PDB file of N, CA and C in Angstrom:
ATOM      1  N   UNK A   1      -5.051  25.772-240.927  1.00  0.00           N
ATOM      2  CA  UNK A   1      -5.326  25.737-239.144  1.00  0.00           C
ATOM      3  C   UNK A   1      -6.243  26.307-238.459  1.00  0.00           C
ATOM      4  N   UNK A   2      -7.052  26.096-237.854  1.00  0.00           N
ATOM      5  CA  UNK A   2      -7.859  26.744-236.936  1.00  0.00           C
ATOM      6  C   UNK A   2      -6.595  27.410-235.765  1.00  0.00           C
ATOM      7  N   UNK A   3      -6.453  28.326-235.098  1.00  0.00           N
ATOM      8  CA  UNK A   3      -5.809  28.914-234.153  1.00  0.00           C
ATOM      9  C   UNK A   3      -6.411  29.713-233.058  1.00  0.00           C
ATOM     10  N   UNK A   4      -6.441  29.680-232.131  1.00  0.00           N
ATOM     11  CA  UNK A   4      -7.109  30.580-231.051  1.00  0.00           C
ATOM     12  C   UNK A   4      -6.084  30.331-230.320  1.00  0.00           C
ATOM     13  N   UNK A   5      -5.597  31.954-229.587  1.00  0.00           N
ATOM     14  CA  UNK A   5      -4.183  32.102-228.525  1.00  0.00           C
ATOM     15  C   UNK A   5      -4.487  31.444-226.658  1.00  0.00           C
ATOM     16  N   UNK A   6      -5.996  31.303-226.810  1.00  0.00           N
ATOM     17  CA  UNK A   6      -5.561  30.063-226.037  1.00  0.00           C
ATOM     18  C   UNK A   6      -4.925  29.043-226.062  1.00  0.00           C
ATOM     19  N   UNK A   7      -5.106  28.113-227.296  1.00  0.00           N
ATOM     20  CA  UNK A   7      -4.840  27.238-227.007  1.00  0.00           C
ATOM     21  C   UNK A   7      -3.292  26.634-227.212  1.00  0.00           C
ATOM     22  N   UNK A   8      -2.983  25.373-226.300  1.00  0.00           N
ATOM     23  CA  UNK A   8      -2.046  24.937-226.574  1.00  0.00           C
ATOM     24  C   UNK A   8      -1.900  23.417-226.478  1.00  0.00           C
ATOM     25  N   UNK A   9      -1.411  22.723-227.379  1.00  0.00           N
ATOM     26  CA  UNK A   9      -1.195  21.788-227.484  1.00  0.00           C
ATOM     27  C   UNK A   9       0.530  21.312-226.322  1.00  0.00           C
ATOM     28  N   UNK A  10      -0.267  20.220-226.376  1.00  0.00           N
ATOM     29  CA  UNK A  10       0.644  19.296-225.804  1.00  0.00           C
ATOM     30  C   UNK A  10       2.362  18.773-226.173  1.00  0.00           C
ATOM     31  N   UNK A  11       2.984  19.045-224.873  1.00  0.00           N
ATOM     32  CA  UNK A  11       4.704  19.043-225.616  1.00  0.00           C
ATOM     33  C   UNK A  11       4.982  17.979-225.242  1.00  0.00           C
ATOM     34  N   UNK A  12       5.891  17.816-226.449  1.00  0.00           N
ATOM     35  CA  UNK A  12       6.608  16.953-227.359  1.00  0.00           C
ATOM     36  C   UNK A  12       8.116  16.129-226.852  1.00  0.00           C
ATOM     37  N   UNK A  13       8.384  16.682-225.743  1.00  0.00           N
ATOM     38  CA  UNK A  13       9.920  17.015-225.039  1.00  0.00           C
ATOM     39  C   UNK A  13       9.828  15.571-224.151  1.00  0.00           C
ATOM     40  N   UNK A  14      10.732  15.032-223.760  1.00  0.00           N
ATOM     41  CA  UNK A  14      11.143  13.696-223.300  1.00  0.00           C
ATOM     42  C   UNK A  14      10.073  13.974-221.742  1.00  0.00           C
ATOM     43  N   UNK A  15      10.199  14.826-221.188  1.00  0.00           N
ATOM     44  CA  UNK A  15       9.906  14.941-219.892  1.00  0.00           C
ATOM     45  C   UNK A  15       8.172  14.297-220.399  1.00  0.00           C
ATOM     46  N   UNK A  16       7.393  15.754-220.715  1.00  0.00           N
ATOM     47  CA  UNK A  16       6.086  16.054-220.891  1.00  0.00           C
ATOM     48  C   UNK A  16       5.514  13.936-221.377  1.00  0.00           C
ATOM     49  N   UNK A  17       6.469  14.108-222.288  1.00  0.00           N
ATOM     50  CA  UNK A  17       6.064  12.215-222.685  1.00  0.00           C
ATOM     51  C   UNK A  17       5.414  11.485-221.602  1.00  0.00           C
ATOM     52  N   UNK A  18       6.713  11.162-220.816  1.00  0.00           N
ATOM     53  CA  UNK A  18       6.809  10.704-219.725  1.00  0.00           C
ATOM     54  C   UNK A  18       5.426  10.955-219.032  1.00  0.00           C
ATOM     55  N   UNK A  19       5.061  12.244-218.487  1.00  0.00           N
ATOM     56  CA  UNK A  19       4.487  12.818-217.765  1.00  0.00           C
ATOM     57  C   UNK A  19       3.051  11.786-217.921  1.00  0.00           C
ATOM     58  N   UNK A  20       3.096  11.981-219.394  1.00  0.00           N
ATOM     59  CA  UNK A  20       1.519  11.955-220.186  1.00  0.00           C
ATOM     60  C   UNK A  20       1.054  10.115-219.644  1.00  0.00           C
ATOM     61  N   UNK A  21       2.414   9.308-220.152  1.00  0.00           N
ATOM     62  CA  UNK A  21       2.396   8.323-220.330  1.00  0.00           C
ATOM     63  C   UNK A  21       1.879   7.370-218.494  1.00  0.00           C
ATOM     64  N   UNK A  22       3.093   7.713-217.677  1.00  0.00           N
ATOM     65  CA  UNK A  22       2.701   7.832-216.603  1.00  0.00           C
ATOM     66  C   UNK A  22       1.046   8.095-215.847  1.00  0.00           C
ATOM     67  N   UNK A  23       0.945   9.593-216.176  1.00  0.00           N
ATOM     68  CA  UNK A  23      -0.303   9.803-215.979  1.00  0.00           C
ATOM     69  C   UNK A  23      -1.729   8.983-216.714  1.00  0.00           C
ATOM     70  N   UNK A  24      -0.950   8.472-217.762  1.00  0.00           N
ATOM     71  CA  UNK A  24      -2.478   7.525-218.386  1.00  0.00           C
ATOM     72  C   UNK A  24      -2.455   5.882-217.359  1.00  0.00           C
ATOM     73  N   UNK A  25      -1.129   5.213-216.800  1.00  0.00           N
ATOM     74  CA  UNK A  25      -1.092   4.628-216.641  1.00  0.00           C
ATOM     75  C   UNK A  25      -2.106   4.663-215.458  1.00  0.00           C
ATOM     76  N   UNK A  26      -2.144   5.440-214.494  1.00  0.00           N
ATOM     77  CA  UNK A  26      -2.153   5.829-213.248  1.00  0.00           C
ATOM     78  C   UNK A  26      -4.008   5.817-213.698  1.00  0.00           C
ATOM     79  N   UNK A  27      -4.531   7.044-214.184  1.00  0.00           N
ATOM     80  CA  UNK A  27      -6.272   7.387-214.537  1.00  0.00           C
ATOM     81  C   UNK A  27      -6.727   7.126-215.672  1.00  0.00           C
ATOM     82  N   UNK A  28      -5.760   6.490-216.583  1.00  0.00           N
ATOM     83  CA  UNK A  28      -6.575   5.471-217.106  1.00  0.00           C
ATOM     84  C   UNK A  28      -7.130   4.049-217.824  1.00  0.00           C
ATOM     85  N   UNK A  29      -5.906   4.062-216.893  1.00  0.00           N
ATOM     86  CA  UNK A  29      -5.572   2.292-216.957  1.00  0.00           C
ATOM     87  C   UNK A  29      -5.850   1.892-215.798  1.00  0.00           C
ATOM     88  N   UNK A  30      -5.907   3.140-214.135  1.00  0.00           N
ATOM     89  CA  UNK A  30      -5.981   2.890-213.105  1.00  0.00           C
ATOM     90  C   UNK A  30      -5.053   1.650-212.501  1.00  0.00           C
ATOM     91  N   UNK A  31      -4.228   1.764-212.459  1.00  0.00           N
ATOM     92  CA  UNK A  31      -2.820   1.086-211.873  1.00  0.00           C
ATOM     93  C   UNK A  31      -1.830   2.163-211.755  1.00  0.00           C
ATOM     94  N   UNK A  32      -0.507   1.314-210.617  1.00  0.00           N
ATOM     95  CA  UNK A  32       0.073   2.361-209.819  1.00  0.00           C
ATOM     96  C   UNK A  32       0.705   2.130-210.738  1.00  0.00           C
ATOM     97  N   UNK A  33       1.206   3.707-210.759  1.00  0.00           N
ATOM     98  CA  UNK A  33       2.777   4.431-211.599  1.00  0.00           C
ATOM     99  C   UNK A  33       3.700   3.942-211.173  1.00  0.00           C
ATOM    100  N   UNK A  34       3.994   3.279-210.133  1.00  0.00           N
ATOM    101  CA  UNK A  34       5.352   3.274-209.578  1.00  0.00           C
ATOM    102  C   UNK A  34       5.367   1.987-210.090  1.00  0.00           C
ATOM    103  N   UNK A  35       4.860   0.860-210.593  1.00  0.00           N
ATOM    104  CA  UNK A  35       4.789  -0.530-211.247  1.00  0.00           C
ATOM    105  C   UNK A  35       3.823  -0.722-212.280  1.00  0.00           C
ATOM    106  N   UNK A  36       4.703  -1.122-213.437  1.00  0.00           N
ATOM    107  CA  UNK A  36       3.474  -1.435-214.681  1.00  0.00           C
ATOM    108  C   UNK A  36       3.917  -2.405-215.634  1.00  0.00           C
ATOM    109  N   UNK A  37       3.371  -3.201-215.966  1.00  0.00           N
ATOM    110  CA  UNK A  37       4.151  -4.014-217.403  1.00  0.00           C
ATOM    111  C   UNK A  37       4.126  -3.755-218.740  1.00  0.00           C
ATOM    112  N   UNK A  38       4.386  -4.634-219.403  1.00  0.00           N
ATOM    113  CA  UNK A  38       4.562  -3.686-221.128  1.00  0.00           C
ATOM    114  C   UNK A  38       3.189  -3.718-221.400  1.00  0.00           C
ATOM    115  N   UNK A  39       2.440  -4.360-221.291  1.00  0.00           N
ATOM    116  CA  UNK A  39       1.326  -4.329-221.969  1.00  0.00           C
ATOM    117  C   UNK A  39       0.524  -2.931-221.245  1.00  0.00           C
ATOM    118  N   UNK A  40       0.458  -2.723-220.518  1.00  0.00           N
ATOM    119  CA  UNK A  40      -0.016  -1.424-219.694  1.00  0.00           C
ATOM    120  C   UNK A  40       1.026  -0.232-220.329  1.00  0.00           C
ATOM    121  N   UNK A  41       2.207  -0.166-220.162  1.00  0.00           N
ATOM    122  CA  UNK A  41       3.023   0.898-220.728  1.00  0.00           C
ATOM    123  C   UNK A  41       2.380   0.853-222.134  1.00  0.00           C
ATOM    124  N   UNK A  42       2.445   0.023-222.903  1.00  0.00           N
ATOM    125  CA  UNK A  42       2.007   0.141-224.246  1.00  0.00           C
ATOM    126  C   UNK A  42       0.715   0.783-224.842  1.00  0.00           C
ATOM    127  N   UNK A  43      -0.408   0.846-223.380  1.00  0.00           N
ATOM    128  CA  UNK A  43      -1.379   1.115-223.650  1.00  0.00           C
ATOM    129  C   UNK A  43      -1.274   2.752-223.080  1.00  0.00           C
ATOM    130  N   UNK A  44      -0.759   2.853-222.141  1.00  0.00           N
ATOM    131  CA  UNK A  44      -0.911   4.005-221.831  1.00  0.00           C
ATOM    132  C   UNK A  44       0.235   5.138-222.400  1.00  0.00           C
ATOM    133  N   UNK A  45       1.036   4.301-223.631  1.00  0.00           N
ATOM    134  CA  UNK A  45       1.885   5.178-224.537  1.00  0.00           C
ATOM    135  C   UNK A  45       0.599   5.565-225.748  1.00  0.00           C
ATOM    136  N   UNK A  46      -0.009   4.694-226.310  1.00  0.00           N
ATOM    137  CA  UNK A  46      -1.213   4.423-227.413  1.00  0.00           C
ATOM    138  C   UNK A  46      -2.059   5.749-226.788  1.00  0.00           C
ATOM    139  N   UNK A  47      -2.476   5.753-225.590  1.00  0.00           N
ATOM    140  CA  UNK A  47      -3.356   6.687-224.891  1.00  0.00           C
ATOM    141  C   UNK A  47      -2.966   8.467-224.751  1.00  0.00           C
ATOM    142  N   UNK A  48      -1.296   8.513-224.584  1.00  0.00           N
ATOM    143  CA  UNK A  48      -0.575   9.490-224.921  1.00  0.00           C
ATOM    144  C   UNK A  48      -0.728  10.133-226.195  1.00  0.00           C
ATOM    145  N   UNK A  49      -0.241   9.005-226.820  1.00  0.00           N
ATOM    146  CA  UNK A  49      -0.518   9.449-228.498  1.00  0.00           C
ATOM    147  C   UNK A  49      -1.869   9.768-229.085  1.00  0.00           C
ATOM    148  N   UNK A  50      -2.838   9.374-228.893  1.00  0.00           N
ATOM    149  CA  UNK A  50      -3.979   9.594-229.210  1.00  0.00           C
ATOM    150  C   UNK A  50      -4.393  10.922-228.861  1.00  0.00           C
ATOM    151  N   UNK A  51      -4.185  11.041-227.449  1.00  0.00           N
ATOM    152  CA  UNK A  51      -4.320  12.308-227.229  1.00  0.00           C
ATOM    153  C   UNK A  51      -3.688  13.969-228.299  1.00  0.00           C
ATOM    154  N   UNK A  52      -2.568  13.443-228.642  1.00  0.00           N
ATOM    155  CA  UNK A  52      -2.238  14.271-229.321  1.00  0.00           C
ATOM    156  C   UNK A  52      -2.531  14.537-230.348  1.00  0.00           C
ATOM    157  N   UNK A  53      -2.939  13.456-230.890  1.00  0.00           N
ATOM    158  CA  UNK A  53      -3.893  13.325-232.392  1.00  0.00           C
ATOM    159  C   UNK A  53      -4.937  14.036-232.228  1.00  0.00           C
ATOM    160  N   UNK A  54      -5.959  13.889-231.090  1.00  0.00           N
ATOM    161  CA  UNK A  54      -7.262  14.447-230.769  1.00  0.00           C
ATOM    162  C   UNK A  54      -7.007  15.746-231.027  1.00  0.00           C
ATOM    163  N   UNK A  55      -6.389  16.442-230.373  1.00  0.00           N
ATOM    164  CA  UNK A  55      -6.142  18.138-230.897  1.00  0.00           C
ATOM    165  C   UNK A  55      -5.864  18.643-232.294  1.00  0.00           C
ATOM    166  N   UNK A  56      -4.993  17.883-232.590  1.00  0.00           N
ATOM    167  CA  UNK A  56      -4.851  18.041-233.885  1.00  0.00           C
ATOM    168  C   UNK A  56      -6.065  17.880-234.718  1.00  0.00           C
ATOM    169  N   UNK A  57      -7.141  16.924-234.984  1.00  0.00           N
ATOM    170  CA  UNK A  57      -8.248  16.409-235.647  1.00  0.00           C
ATOM    171  C   UNK A  57      -9.145  17.409-234.780  1.00  0.00           C
ATOM    172  N   UNK A  58      -9.168  18.094-234.187  1.00  0.00           N
ATOM    173  CA  UNK A  58     -10.271  18.880-233.684  1.00  0.00           C
ATOM    174  C   UNK A  58     -10.374  19.994-234.111  1.00  0.00           C
ATOM    175  N   UNK A  59      -9.000  20.557-234.596  1.00  0.00           N
ATOM    176  CA  UNK A  59      -9.049  21.480-235.157  1.00  0.00           C
ATOM    177  C   UNK A  59      -8.658  21.444-236.296  1.00  0.00           C
ATOM    178  N   UNK A  60      -8.472  20.547-237.213  1.00  0.00           N
ATOM    179  CA  UNK A  60      -8.590  20.142-238.195  1.00  0.00           C
ATOM    180  C   UNK A  60     -10.804  20.697-239.061  1.00  0.00           C
ATOM    181  N   UNK A  61     -11.243  19.666-237.343  1.00  0.00           N
ATOM    182  CA  UNK A  61     -12.666  19.287-238.009  1.00  0.00           C
ATOM    183  C   UNK A  61     -13.277  21.079-237.892  1.00  0.00           C
ATOM    184  N   UNK A  62     -12.417  21.453-237.122  1.00  0.00           N
ATOM    185  CA  UNK A  62     -12.775  23.387-236.573  1.00  0.00           C
ATOM    186  C   UNK A  62     -12.613  23.731-238.289  1.00  0.00           C
ATOM    187  N   UNK A  63     -11.697  23.482-238.574  1.00  0.00           N
ATOM    188  CA  UNK A  63     -11.626  24.387-239.905  1.00  0.00           C
ATOM    189  C   UNK A  63     -12.332  23.898-240.907  1.00  0.00           C
ATOM    190  N   UNK A  64     -12.798  22.653-241.306  1.00  0.00           N
ATOM    191  CA  UNK A  64     -13.468  22.248-242.144  1.00  0.00           C
ATOM    192  C   UNK A  64     -15.238  23.128-242.489  1.00  0.00           C
ATOM    193  N   UNK A  65     -15.026  22.565-240.338  1.00  0.00           N
ATOM    194  CA  UNK A  65     -16.612  22.772-240.215  1.00  0.00           C
ATOM    195  C   UNK A  65     -16.966  24.357-240.645  1.00  0.00           C
ATOM    196  N   UNK A  66     -15.745  25.174-240.638  1.00  0.00           N
ATOM    197  CA  UNK A  66     -15.907  27.040-240.647  1.00  0.00           C
ATOM    198  C   UNK A  66     -15.706  27.571-242.148  1.00  0.00           C
ATOM    199  N   UNK A  67     -14.930  26.257-243.075  1.00  0.00           N
ATOM    200  CA  UNK A  67     -14.535  26.562-244.753  1.00  0.00           C
ATOM    201  C   UNK A  67     -15.609  26.008-245.318  1.00  0.00           C
ATOM    202  N   UNK A  68     -16.158  24.932-244.521  1.00  0.00           N
ATOM    203  CA  UNK A  68     -17.257  23.914-245.937  1.00  0.00           C
ATOM    204  C   UNK A  68     -16.360  23.990-246.897  1.00  0.00           C
ATOM    205  N   UNK A  69     -15.406  22.956-247.233  1.00  0.00           N
ATOM    206  CA  UNK A  69     -15.675  22.764-248.777  1.00  0.00           C
ATOM    207  C   UNK A  69     -16.291  21.649-248.473  1.00  0.00           C
ATOM    208  N   UNK A  70     -15.999  20.962-250.094  1.00  0.00           N
ATOM    209  CA  UNK A  70     -16.668  19.952-250.745  1.00  0.00           C
ATOM    210  C   UNK A  70     -15.328  18.608-250.228  1.00  0.00           C
ATOM    211  N   UNK A  71     -16.267  17.609-250.315  1.00  0.00           N
ATOM    212  CA  UNK A  71     -15.327  16.699-249.308  1.00  0.00           C
ATOM    213  C   UNK A  71     -15.440  15.334-250.387  1.00  0.00           C
ATOM    214  N   UNK A  72     -14.464  14.398-250.338  1.00  0.00           N
ATOM    215  CA  UNK A  72     -14.824  13.573-251.461  1.00  0.00           C
ATOM    216  C   UNK A  72     -14.205  12.397-250.102  1.00  0.00           C
ATOM    217  N   UNK A  73     -15.191  11.026-250.045  1.00  0.00           N
ATOM    218  CA  UNK A  73     -15.376  10.072-249.077  1.00  0.00           C
ATOM    219  C   UNK A  73     -15.051   8.718-250.317  1.00  0.00           C
ATOM    220  N   UNK A  74     -14.026   7.966-249.923  1.00  0.00           N
ATOM    221  CA  UNK A  74     -13.346   6.756-250.247  1.00  0.00           C
ATOM    222  C   UNK A  74     -13.920   5.591-249.338  1.00  0.00           C
ATOM    223  N   UNK A  75     -14.229   4.522-249.573  1.00  0.00           N
ATOM    224  CA  UNK A  75     -14.709   3.790-249.122  1.00  0.00           C
ATOM    225  C   UNK A  75     -14.173   2.114-249.764  1.00  0.00           C
ATOM    226  N   UNK A  76     -13.085   1.406-248.498  1.00  0.00           N
ATOM    227  CA  UNK A  76     -12.365   0.408-249.161  1.00  0.00           C
ATOM    228  C   UNK A  76     -12.967  -0.349-248.393  1.00  0.00           C
ATOM    229  N   UNK A  77     -13.008  -1.978-249.528  1.00  0.00           N
ATOM    230  CA  UNK A  77     -12.940  -3.549-248.288  1.00  0.00           C
ATOM    231  C   UNK A  77     -12.002  -3.835-247.478  1.00  0.00           C
ATOM    232  N   UNK A  78     -10.652  -3.175-248.026  1.00  0.00           N
ATOM    233  CA  UNK A  78      -9.698  -3.750-246.748  1.00  0.00           C
ATOM    234  C   UNK A  78      -9.439  -2.744-246.039  1.00  0.00           C
ATOM    235  N   UNK A  79      -9.058  -3.249-244.747  1.00  0.00           N
ATOM    236  CA  UNK A  79      -8.616  -2.147-243.497  1.00  0.00           C
ATOM    237  C   UNK A  79      -7.227  -3.057-242.858  1.00  0.00           C
ATOM    238  N   UNK A  80      -6.405  -2.254-242.780  1.00  0.00           N
ATOM    239  CA  UNK A  80      -4.906  -3.251-242.674  1.00  0.00           C
ATOM    240  C   UNK A  80      -4.765  -2.123-241.871  1.00  0.00           C
ATOM    241  N   UNK A  81      -4.393  -2.423-240.331  1.00  0.00           N
ATOM    242  CA  UNK A  81      -3.905  -1.288-239.547  1.00  0.00           C
ATOM    243  C   UNK A  81      -2.325  -1.412-239.677  1.00  0.00           C
ATOM    244  N   UNK A  82      -2.154  -2.516-239.223  1.00  0.00           N
ATOM    245  CA  UNK A  82      -0.713  -2.319-239.338  1.00  0.00           C
ATOM    246  C   UNK A  82       0.631  -2.679-238.554  1.00  0.00           C
ATOM    247  N   UNK A  83       1.391  -1.705-238.331  1.00  0.00           N
ATOM    248  CA  UNK A  83       1.930  -1.260-237.317  1.00  0.00           C
ATOM    249  C   UNK A  83       1.386   0.522-236.795  1.00  0.00           C
ATOM    250  N   UNK A  84      -0.184   0.995-236.960  1.00  0.00           N
ATOM    251  CA  UNK A  84      -0.350   1.884-236.466  1.00  0.00           C
ATOM    252  C   UNK A  84       0.672   3.469-235.638  1.00  0.00           C
ATOM    253  N   UNK A  85       0.810   2.834-234.304  1.00  0.00           N
ATOM    254  CA  UNK A  85       1.553   3.119-233.365  1.00  0.00           C
ATOM    255  C   UNK A  85       2.943   3.861-234.249  1.00  0.00           C
ATOM    256  N   UNK A  86       3.584   3.000-234.273  1.00  0.00           N
ATOM    257  CA  UNK A  86       5.203   3.062-235.236  1.00  0.00           C
ATOM    258  C   UNK A  86       5.203   4.161-236.008  1.00  0.00           C
ATOM    259  N   UNK A  87       3.606   3.782-236.645  1.00  0.00           N
ATOM    260  CA  UNK A  87       4.010   4.584-238.070  1.00  0.00           C
ATOM    261  C   UNK A  87       3.172   6.256-237.772  1.00  0.00           C
ATOM    262  N   UNK A  88       2.130   6.201-236.573  1.00  0.00           N
ATOM    263  CA  UNK A  88       2.220   7.426-235.895  1.00  0.00           C
ATOM    264  C   UNK A  88       3.143   8.503-235.591  1.00  0.00           C
ATOM    265  N   UNK A  89       3.746   7.397-234.760  1.00  0.00           N
ATOM    266  CA  UNK A  89       4.924   8.109-234.237  1.00  0.00           C
ATOM    267  C   UNK A  89       5.881   8.586-235.403  1.00  0.00           C
ATOM    268  N   UNK A  90       5.885   8.499-235.950  1.00  0.00           N
ATOM    269  CA  UNK A  90       7.436   8.353-237.267  1.00  0.00           C
ATOM    270  C   UNK A  90       6.199   9.865-237.973  1.00  0.00           C
ATOM    271  N   UNK A  91       5.061   9.533-238.597  1.00  0.00           N
ATOM    272  CA  UNK A  91       4.529  10.402-239.392  1.00  0.00           C
ATOM    273  C   UNK A  91       4.808  11.533-238.339  1.00  0.00           C
ATOM    274  N   UNK A  92       4.691  12.194-237.359  1.00  0.00           N
ATOM    275  CA  UNK A  92       4.354  13.526-236.640  1.00  0.00           C
ATOM    276  C   UNK A  92       5.509  13.774-235.926  1.00  0.00           C
ATOM    277  N   UNK A  93       6.185  13.230-236.544  1.00  0.00           N
ATOM    278  CA  UNK A  93       7.766  13.471-235.881  1.00  0.00           C
ATOM    279  C   UNK A  93       8.270  13.413-234.547  1.00  0.00           C
ATOM    280  N   UNK A  94       7.990  12.610-233.845  1.00  0.00           N
ATOM    281  CA  UNK A  94       8.455  12.522-232.388  1.00  0.00           C
ATOM    282  C   UNK A  94       8.521  10.860-232.113  1.00  0.00           C
ATOM    283  N   UNK A  95       8.516  10.115-232.908  1.00  0.00           N
ATOM    284  CA  UNK A  95       9.341   8.691-232.843  1.00  0.00           C
ATOM    285  C   UNK A  95      10.744   8.584-231.568  1.00  0.00           C
ATOM    286  N   UNK A  96      11.444   9.560-231.970  1.00  0.00           N
ATOM    287  CA  UNK A  96      12.810   9.761-231.301  1.00  0.00           C
ATOM    288  C   UNK A  96      12.427  10.042-230.052  1.00  0.00           C
ATOM    289  N   UNK A  97      11.204  10.793-229.300  1.00  0.00           N
ATOM    290  CA  UNK A  97      11.494  11.202-228.019  1.00  0.00           C
ATOM    291  C   UNK A  97      10.476  10.003-227.180  1.00  0.00           C
ATOM    292  N   UNK A  98       9.434   9.746-227.999  1.00  0.00           N
ATOM    293  CA  UNK A  98       8.865   8.530-227.615  1.00  0.00           C
ATOM    294  C   UNK A  98       9.671   7.092-227.296  1.00  0.00           C
ATOM    295  N   UNK A  99      10.555   6.977-228.187  1.00  0.00           N
ATOM    296  CA  UNK A  99      11.320   6.079-227.685  1.00  0.00           C
ATOM    297  C   UNK A  99      12.728   6.281-226.156  1.00  0.00           C
ATOM    298  N   UNK A 100      12.718   7.458-226.812  1.00  0.00           N
ATOM    299  CA  UNK A 100      13.560   8.139-225.566  1.00  0.00           C
ATOM    300  C   UNK A 100      13.199   7.844-223.568  1.00  0.00           C
ATOM    301  N   UNK A 101      11.977   8.741-224.090  1.00  0.00           N
ATOM    302  CA  UNK A 101      10.374   8.473-222.943  1.00  0.00           C
ATOM    303  C   UNK A 101      10.604   7.405-222.178  1.00  0.00           C
ATOM    304  N   UNK A 102      10.146   6.396-222.848  1.00  0.00           N
ATOM    305  CA  UNK A 102      10.327   4.684-222.652  1.00  0.00           C
ATOM    306  C   UNK A 102      11.086   4.418-222.004  1.00  0.00           C
ATOM    307  N   UNK A 103      12.347   4.602-223.234  1.00  0.00           N
ATOM    308  CA  UNK A 103      13.177   3.823-222.358  1.00  0.00           C
ATOM    309  C   UNK A 103      14.000   4.376-221.071  1.00  0.00           C
ATOM    310  N   UNK A 104      13.742   5.406-220.656  1.00  0.00           N
ATOM    311  CA  UNK A 104      13.764   5.902-218.945  1.00  0.00           C
ATOM    312  C   UNK A 104      13.236   5.920-218.326  1.00  0.00           C
ATOM    313  N   UNK A 105      11.517   5.463-218.969  1.00  0.00           N
ATOM    314  CA  UNK A 105      11.030   4.142-218.273  1.00  0.00           C
ATOM    315  C   UNK A 105      11.583   2.699-217.604  1.00  0.00           C
ATOM    316  N   UNK A 106      12.484   2.677-218.782  1.00  0.00           N
ATOM    317  CA  UNK A 106      12.589   1.271-218.438  1.00  0.00           C
ATOM    318  C   UNK A 106      12.091   0.442-219.276  1.00  0.00           C
ATOM    319  N   UNK A 107      11.685   0.879-220.972  1.00  0.00           N
ATOM    320  CA  UNK A 107      10.620  -0.293-221.496  1.00  0.00           C
ATOM    321  C   UNK A 107      11.335   0.193-222.750  1.00  0.00           C
ATOM    322  N   UNK A 108      10.608  -0.408-223.677  1.00  0.00           N
ATOM    323  CA  UNK A 108      11.206  -0.426-224.759  1.00  0.00           C
ATOM    324  C   UNK A 108       9.950   0.298-225.887  1.00  0.00           C
ATOM    325  N   UNK A 109      10.187   0.725-227.172  1.00  0.00           N
ATOM    326  CA  UNK A 109       9.194   0.536-228.225  1.00  0.00           C
ATOM    327  C   UNK A 109       8.878  -0.003-229.250  1.00  0.00           C
TER     328      UNK A 109
END
């Protein structure tokens, strides 16, 4: 992956995840950080996870732009999203941290 000394990824510890979720509640969803419902929590958690994915996506795109490899594209008629939030958390290895962060905020994953 492309690495720059000035780059820092978002931390994946419980406190950092909680801060990210609460910030998205207030600044992305424009809700009060002191009281938000289950759906708003879900949306904020999804935005928080998206932030982490975007960091890696941008690095990947930069790497491919610099290396200019051949690419193969596959188009499918199927589009099954399934449980993409949980799958992504699991694949990134941060499901437990998100579960704990949400639990401490009073929500379930």
